[in-house]
Amino acid sequence: MQLRRDVFQAIADPTRRAILLLVTAQAMTAGAIAAHFDTARPTVSKHLQILTECELLQQEQNGREMFYRLNPQKMKEIADFIAPFRALWEERFSKLETLMKSYQATE
């Protein structure tokens, strides 16, 4: 039985977030991705494996090379999950800003 990796644990790692940013503009090979990091290529391959298992990246074979591309649908699912929390914090910051402005006006 294969366990599915947690997408939020996957994006918690700064290297994996950097990989996601790299492939946002275009699909890239593992070698092209690894060239952007000062870590060993097997380490980058492990990050790619985790991102692929979480379905944040999709693999596409083109000839002898495997390209990795962002899965925008999975990213949208993450954004949809986070949206209510973002709205909550925006409301709180707005109230804080209003309070601070009213405090400054009374000085």
N, C-alpha and C. Protein backbone atom coordinates (compact mmCIF):
# COMPACT_ATOMS: atom_id res chain seq x y z
N MET A 1 0.84 -1.19 0.00
CA MET A 1 0.00 0.00 0.00
C MET A 1 0.88 1.25 0.00
N GLN A 2 0.67 2.11 -0.96
CA GLN A 2 1.47 3.33 -1.07
C GLN A 2 0.76 4.48 -0.34
N LEU A 3 1.49 5.16 0.53
CA LEU A 3 0.92 6.29 1.25
C LEU A 3 1.05 7.54 0.40
N ARG A 4 0.01 8.33 0.37
CA ARG A 4 0.08 9.60 -0.35
C ARG A 4 0.74 10.63 0.54
N ARG A 5 1.59 11.39 -0.04
CA ARG A 5 2.27 12.44 0.71
C ARG A 5 1.33 13.62 0.92
N ASP A 6 1.55 14.31 2.01
CA ASP A 6 0.74 15.48 2.32
C ASP A 6 1.26 16.68 1.54
N VAL A 7 0.38 17.33 0.80
CA VAL A 7 0.78 18.44 -0.05
C VAL A 7 1.33 19.61 0.77
N PHE A 8 0.80 19.81 1.97
CA PHE A 8 1.27 20.93 2.79
C PHE A 8 2.65 20.66 3.38
N GLN A 9 2.96 19.41 3.67
CA GLN A 9 4.32 19.07 4.07
C GLN A 9 5.27 19.27 2.90
N ALA A 10 4.80 18.97 1.71
CA ALA A 10 5.64 19.13 0.52
C ALA A 10 6.00 20.59 0.29
N ILE A 11 5.02 21.47 0.39
CA ILE A 11 5.31 22.89 0.11
C ILE A 11 5.92 23.60 1.32
N ALA A 12 6.04 22.91 2.44
CA ALA A 12 6.69 23.51 3.61
C ALA A 12 8.19 23.62 3.40
N ASP A 13 8.75 22.81 2.53
CA ASP A 13 10.19 22.82 2.29
C ASP A 13 10.55 23.95 1.31
N PRO A 14 11.52 24.81 1.68
CA PRO A 14 11.88 25.94 0.81
C PRO A 14 12.45 25.51 -0.54
N THR A 15 13.16 24.40 -0.59
CA THR A 15 13.69 23.94 -1.88
C THR A 15 12.56 23.53 -2.80
N ARG A 16 11.57 22.85 -2.26
CA ARG A 16 10.44 22.43 -3.10
C ARG A 16 9.62 23.63 -3.57
N ARG A 17 9.48 24.63 -2.71
CA ARG A 17 8.80 25.86 -3.15
C ARG A 17 9.58 26.54 -4.27
N ALA A 18 10.90 26.54 -4.17
CA ALA A 18 11.74 27.13 -5.22
C ALA A 18 11.59 26.35 -6.53
N ILE A 19 11.51 25.04 -6.44
CA ILE A 19 11.30 24.22 -7.64
C ILE A 19 9.96 24.57 -8.28
N LEU A 20 8.92 24.71 -7.48
CA LEU A 20 7.61 25.08 -8.02
C LEU A 20 7.67 26.41 -8.74
N LEU A 21 8.39 27.37 -8.16
CA LEU A 21 8.54 28.67 -8.82
C LEU A 21 9.30 28.55 -10.14
N LEU A 22 10.31 27.69 -10.17
CA LEU A 22 11.09 27.50 -11.40
C LEU A 22 10.24 26.98 -12.55
N VAL A 23 9.39 26.01 -12.26
CA VAL A 23 8.61 25.38 -13.34
C VAL A 23 7.30 26.11 -13.63
N THR A 24 7.09 27.22 -12.95
CA THR A 24 5.87 27.99 -13.20
C THR A 24 5.83 28.51 -14.64
N ALA A 25 6.95 29.00 -15.12
CA ALA A 25 7.00 29.61 -16.45
C ALA A 25 7.09 28.58 -17.57
N GLN A 26 7.83 27.48 -17.32
CA GLN A 26 8.01 26.49 -18.38
C GLN A 26 8.38 25.15 -17.79
N ALA A 27 8.10 24.10 -18.53
CA ALA A 27 8.50 22.76 -18.11
C ALA A 27 10.02 22.66 -18.18
N MET A 28 10.59 21.91 -17.25
CA MET A 28 12.04 21.77 -17.19
C MET A 28 12.42 20.33 -16.90
N THR A 29 13.62 19.94 -17.34
CA THR A 29 14.14 18.62 -17.02
C THR A 29 14.71 18.65 -15.60
N ALA A 30 14.93 17.46 -15.04
CA ALA A 30 15.52 17.37 -13.70
C ALA A 30 16.90 18.03 -13.68
N GLY A 31 17.66 17.84 -14.73
CA GLY A 31 18.99 18.43 -14.80
C GLY A 31 18.94 19.95 -14.82
N ALA A 32 18.00 20.51 -15.58
CA ALA A 32 17.86 21.96 -15.64
C ALA A 32 17.42 22.52 -14.29
N ILE A 33 16.56 21.80 -13.62
CA ILE A 33 16.12 22.22 -12.28
C ILE A 33 17.29 22.13 -11.31
N ALA A 34 18.01 21.01 -11.34
CA ALA A 34 19.13 20.80 -10.41
C ALA A 34 20.22 21.85 -10.58
N ALA A 35 20.38 22.38 -11.78
CA ALA A 35 21.41 23.38 -12.04
C ALA A 35 21.19 24.66 -11.25
N HIS A 36 19.98 24.87 -10.75
CA HIS A 36 19.66 26.08 -9.97
C HIS A 36 19.96 25.93 -8.48
N PHE A 37 20.43 24.76 -8.07
CA PHE A 37 20.64 24.50 -6.64
C PHE A 37 22.06 24.03 -6.38
N ASP A 38 22.52 24.30 -5.18
CA ASP A 38 23.87 23.88 -4.77
C ASP A 38 23.85 22.54 -4.04
N THR A 39 22.85 21.73 -4.31
CA THR A 39 22.75 20.42 -3.67
C THR A 39 23.01 19.33 -4.70
N ALA A 40 23.22 18.14 -4.23
CA ALA A 40 23.47 17.02 -5.13
C ALA A 40 22.22 16.72 -5.96
N ARG A 41 22.45 16.26 -7.16
CA ARG A 41 21.32 15.96 -8.06
C ARG A 41 20.35 14.94 -7.47
N PRO A 42 20.83 13.89 -6.76
CA PRO A 42 19.88 12.96 -6.14
C PRO A 42 18.96 13.64 -5.12
N THR A 43 19.46 14.67 -4.46
CA THR A 43 18.63 15.41 -3.50
C THR A 43 17.51 16.12 -4.24
N VAL A 44 17.84 16.76 -5.35
CA VAL A 44 16.82 17.44 -6.16
C VAL A 44 15.84 16.41 -6.71
N SER A 45 16.34 15.25 -7.12
CA SER A 45 15.45 14.19 -7.63
C SER A 45 14.46 13.74 -6.56
N LYS A 46 14.90 13.68 -5.32
CA LYS A 46 14.00 13.30 -4.23
C LYS A 46 12.90 14.36 -4.06
N HIS A 47 13.29 15.64 -4.14
CA HIS A 47 12.29 16.71 -4.06
C HIS A 47 11.29 16.60 -5.21
N LEU A 48 11.79 16.31 -6.41
CA LEU A 48 10.90 16.16 -7.56
C LEU A 48 9.95 14.98 -7.37
N GLN A 49 10.46 13.91 -6.79
CA GLN A 49 9.61 12.73 -6.53
C GLN A 49 8.49 13.10 -5.56
N ILE A 50 8.81 13.82 -4.51
CA ILE A 50 7.80 14.21 -3.53
C ILE A 50 6.75 15.11 -4.17
N LEU A 51 7.19 16.09 -4.94
CA LEU A 51 6.26 17.01 -5.60
C LEU A 51 5.38 16.28 -6.61
N THR A 52 5.94 15.28 -7.26
CA THR A 52 5.16 14.49 -8.23
C THR A 52 4.15 13.60 -7.52
N GLU A 53 4.57 12.99 -6.41
CA GLU A 53 3.64 12.15 -5.65
C GLU A 53 2.48 12.96 -5.09
N CYS A 54 2.72 14.21 -4.78
CA CYS A 54 1.66 15.10 -4.28
C CYS A 54 0.82 15.68 -5.42
N GLU A 55 1.21 15.38 -6.64
CA GLU A 55 0.53 15.86 -7.84
C GLU A 55 0.69 17.37 -8.05
N LEU A 56 1.69 17.97 -7.40
CA LEU A 56 1.98 19.38 -7.65
C LEU A 56 2.75 19.55 -8.95
N LEU A 57 3.49 18.52 -9.32
CA LEU A 57 4.20 18.49 -10.60
C LEU A 57 3.68 17.33 -11.43
N GLN A 58 3.68 17.53 -12.72
CA GLN A 58 3.34 16.47 -13.66
C GLN A 58 4.57 16.16 -14.48
N GLN A 59 4.76 14.88 -14.78
CA GLN A 59 5.88 14.45 -15.61
C GLN A 59 5.39 14.26 -17.04
N GLU A 60 6.25 14.64 -17.98
CA GLU A 60 5.92 14.45 -19.39
C GLU A 60 7.19 14.05 -20.11
N GLN A 61 7.15 12.88 -20.72
CA GLN A 61 8.32 12.39 -21.45
C GLN A 61 8.32 12.99 -22.84
N ASN A 62 9.47 13.51 -23.24
CA ASN A 62 9.65 14.06 -24.58
C ASN A 62 10.96 13.47 -25.10
N GLY A 63 10.84 12.45 -25.93
CA GLY A 63 12.03 11.74 -26.40
C GLY A 63 12.65 10.99 -25.24
N ARG A 64 13.94 11.24 -25.01
CA ARG A 64 14.64 10.57 -23.92
C ARG A 64 14.57 11.36 -22.62
N GLU A 65 14.03 12.55 -22.67
CA GLU A 65 14.03 13.42 -21.48
C GLU A 65 12.66 13.48 -20.82
N MET A 66 12.70 13.58 -19.49
CA MET A 66 11.49 13.73 -18.69
C MET A 66 11.39 15.21 -18.28
N PHE A 67 10.29 15.81 -18.59
CA PHE A 67 10.07 17.21 -18.22
C PHE A 67 9.07 17.27 -17.07
N TYR A 68 9.30 18.23 -16.20
CA TYR A 68 8.42 18.47 -15.06
C TYR A 68 7.71 19.80 -15.29
N ARG A 69 6.40 19.77 -15.10
CA ARG A 69 5.61 21.00 -15.24
C ARG A 69 4.68 21.13 -14.06
N LEU A 70 4.32 22.35 -13.77
CA LEU A 70 3.42 22.65 -12.66
C LEU A 70 2.03 22.12 -12.97
N ASN A 71 1.36 21.59 -11.97
CA ASN A 71 -0.02 21.15 -12.10
C ASN A 71 -0.90 22.27 -11.55
N PRO A 72 -1.40 23.15 -12.40
CA PRO A 72 -2.16 24.30 -11.90
C PRO A 72 -3.44 23.92 -11.16
N GLN A 73 -4.05 22.79 -11.51
CA GLN A 73 -5.28 22.38 -10.83
C GLN A 73 -5.00 22.07 -9.36
N LYS A 74 -3.90 21.40 -9.09
CA LYS A 74 -3.55 21.08 -7.70
C LYS A 74 -3.21 22.35 -6.94
N MET A 75 -2.53 23.29 -7.59
CA MET A 75 -2.21 24.56 -6.94
C MET A 75 -3.49 25.33 -6.63
N LYS A 76 -4.49 25.23 -7.51
CA LYS A 76 -5.77 25.89 -7.26
C LYS A 76 -6.47 25.28 -6.06
N GLU A 77 -6.36 23.97 -5.90
CA GLU A 77 -6.96 23.32 -4.73
C GLU A 77 -6.34 23.86 -3.44
N ILE A 78 -5.04 24.06 -3.45
CA ILE A 78 -4.35 24.62 -2.28
C ILE A 78 -4.83 26.04 -2.03
N ALA A 79 -4.88 26.84 -3.09
CA ALA A 79 -5.33 28.23 -2.96
C ALA A 79 -6.77 28.30 -2.46
N ASP A 80 -7.62 27.42 -2.95
CA ASP A 80 -9.02 27.39 -2.50
C ASP A 80 -9.11 27.03 -1.01
N PHE A 81 -8.25 26.13 -0.56
CA PHE A 81 -8.25 25.76 0.85
C PHE A 81 -7.81 26.92 1.73
N ILE A 82 -6.82 27.67 1.26
CA ILE A 82 -6.24 28.77 2.04
C ILE A 82 -7.11 30.03 2.00
N ALA A 83 -7.95 30.18 1.00
CA ALA A 83 -8.73 31.41 0.80
C ALA A 83 -9.50 31.88 2.03
N PRO A 84 -10.22 31.01 2.75
CA PRO A 84 -10.96 31.50 3.93
C PRO A 84 -10.03 32.06 5.01
N PHE A 85 -8.86 31.45 5.15
CA PHE A 85 -7.90 31.94 6.14
C PHE A 85 -7.35 33.29 5.73
N ARG A 86 -7.09 33.46 4.44
CA ARG A 86 -6.61 34.74 3.92
C ARG A 86 -7.65 35.82 4.16
N ALA A 87 -8.91 35.51 3.90
CA ALA A 87 -9.99 36.48 4.11
C ALA A 87 -10.08 36.87 5.59
N LEU A 88 -9.93 35.90 6.47
CA LEU A 88 -9.97 36.16 7.90
C LEU A 88 -8.86 37.12 8.30
N TRP A 89 -7.64 36.86 7.84
CA TRP A 89 -6.51 37.72 8.21
C TRP A 89 -6.63 39.10 7.58
N GLU A 90 -7.12 39.18 6.35
CA GLU A 90 -7.31 40.49 5.72
C GLU A 90 -8.32 41.32 6.51
N GLU A 91 -9.38 40.68 6.99
CA GLU A 91 -10.37 41.38 7.80
C GLU A 91 -9.75 41.87 9.11
N ARG A 92 -8.94 41.03 9.73
CA ARG A 92 -8.29 41.42 10.98
C ARG A 92 -7.30 42.58 10.76
N PHE A 93 -6.53 42.51 9.70
CA PHE A 93 -5.59 43.59 9.41
C PHE A 93 -6.32 44.89 9.08
N SER A 94 -7.45 44.77 8.40
CA SER A 94 -8.24 45.95 8.08
C SER A 94 -8.76 46.61 9.36
N LYS A 95 -9.23 45.80 10.29
CA LYS A 95 -9.71 46.33 11.58
C LYS A 95 -8.56 46.97 12.35
N LEU A 96 -7.40 46.35 12.32
CA LEU A 96 -6.24 46.91 13.00
C LEU A 96 -5.84 48.24 12.37
N GLU A 97 -5.86 48.31 11.05
CA GLU A 97 -5.53 49.56 10.36
C GLU A 97 -6.51 50.66 10.73
N THR A 98 -7.79 50.33 10.77
CA THR A 98 -8.82 51.31 11.16
C THR A 98 -8.57 51.80 12.59
N LEU A 99 -8.28 50.88 13.48
CA LEU A 99 -8.00 51.22 14.87
C LEU A 99 -6.77 52.12 14.98
N MET A 100 -5.73 51.81 14.24
CA MET A 100 -4.51 52.61 14.28
C MET A 100 -4.75 54.01 13.72
N LYS A 101 -5.52 54.10 12.65
CA LYS A 101 -5.83 55.42 12.07
C LYS A 101 -6.65 56.26 13.05
N SER A 102 -7.60 55.62 13.73
CA SER A 102 -8.41 56.38 14.68
C SER A 102 -7.57 56.81 15.88
N TYR A 103 -6.59 55.98 16.26
CA TYR A 103 -5.68 56.33 17.35
C TYR A 103 -4.79 57.51 16.93
N GLN A 104 -4.29 57.50 15.72
CA GLN A 104 -3.43 58.58 15.22
C GLN A 104 -4.23 59.89 15.13
N ALA A 105 -5.49 59.80 14.80
CA ALA A 105 -6.32 61.00 14.68
C ALA A 105 -6.57 61.65 16.02
N THR A 106 -6.53 60.88 17.11
CA THR A 106 -6.79 61.45 18.43
C THR A 106 -5.52 62.01 19.08
N GLU A 107 -4.37 61.78 18.49
CA GLU A 107 -3.13 62.29 19.08
C GLU A 107 -2.97 63.77 18.86
